[in-house]
């Protein structure tokens, strides 16, 4: 569809590029564009380990379009055939992008040109009305030699040669000569500014929240765990506890900042630098256990998604349980009965004042509560301080 849009001279969106200065190249994880996609053996973009010691350009918006161009013009696409075993190499035939130079315009569909991913064998099979041309050849050979090849093909009639040459020339000149890429390049090194530009540029479609983009940064900077999967799985687990809770990935992400003692627990770019994300990943197992314990504790108090009016109230409790390294035995052991009751009393009082406590200034409040728990919560929940 992208190549069809190019040949029909349709616009296909503005790209957002970010010029990265050499001194900032180590702050983020960058990836190469996919070229040879293989559903089993090469499904993900390869990370770049040796970044240039100079300014370079990163693509923030338009990655899928550039990937499509890269695979179509320079690479291949191999997906699994139905009914074949994953262990069978023949289940993943390598296909490259071809254009049928003799295809008639398809008026009943959105696509005018006939682009298909084909194996070399399939493309070479002669069928009436088909003349498959591998698109990547326009990056490897000169226009005149390609046109001459079509003109010398004795299997084509004069009328077919004329049509094939016209379509091939249009393809070649569209890619090589026509200025089709519209882009905005940002040189400001503030990630916060760049992310806000990204949100503004995409505000007409499916809206990505600021936390979505910050989560993407976390995903890129975790080394062994997949941050997106871990957070989504944890959200699902927390929702299923007791009679069910209304929790979101934003809450879990903020819990990660709070429990790891990162910054002011706010969704700010400076809290998501590489070193902080390494700390968050290192602490993730304990954070996960503390959040699940918190939800079990709230369920034992009789709370659920219907009566827990402010989900942010979960965070101080989770921090306290995390701070003391408490486990699931905390829910039943009698020695913790008074402590559990103190937490319950604090939670009920805070929820009764939810509009005043859990509204504006939330990050400042959470930071202050975290400080009190760290200072006064070593032996019990500091009810008098909160």
Foldseek 3Di string as FASTA:
>chain_A
DLLLCLLVVHADDAWEKEKDALVCPPFFKAFDADAADWPQPHPDTHTDDDDDNGIDMDTDPCRVVVSVVRNAQPHWHWYADPPDDPVDPVRTATWYKKWFLQDQADPVDPGGTDIDTDHPVVQPDDDPRGHIDRNNVLVVDDLVVVLVVLVPDPVDDPVSNVSSNVSSVSSSCSVPPDDRHHYDYDHDPAPVVVVVVVQVSCVVDPGDDLVNVLQVRLQRQDDPDRSVVLLVVLQVLLQPPAPGADDDSLLLQLLLCLLLVFDLSDSDPVSSTNVNSHSSNVCVVLLSQLLNLLSNLCNVVVDHHVPQPAPNLSRLSSNLCSLQVHGNVCNPDPVNVVQSVLSSVLSVVCSVVVCPQVDPPNSVSSSVSSVCCNVPVNPGRPSVVD
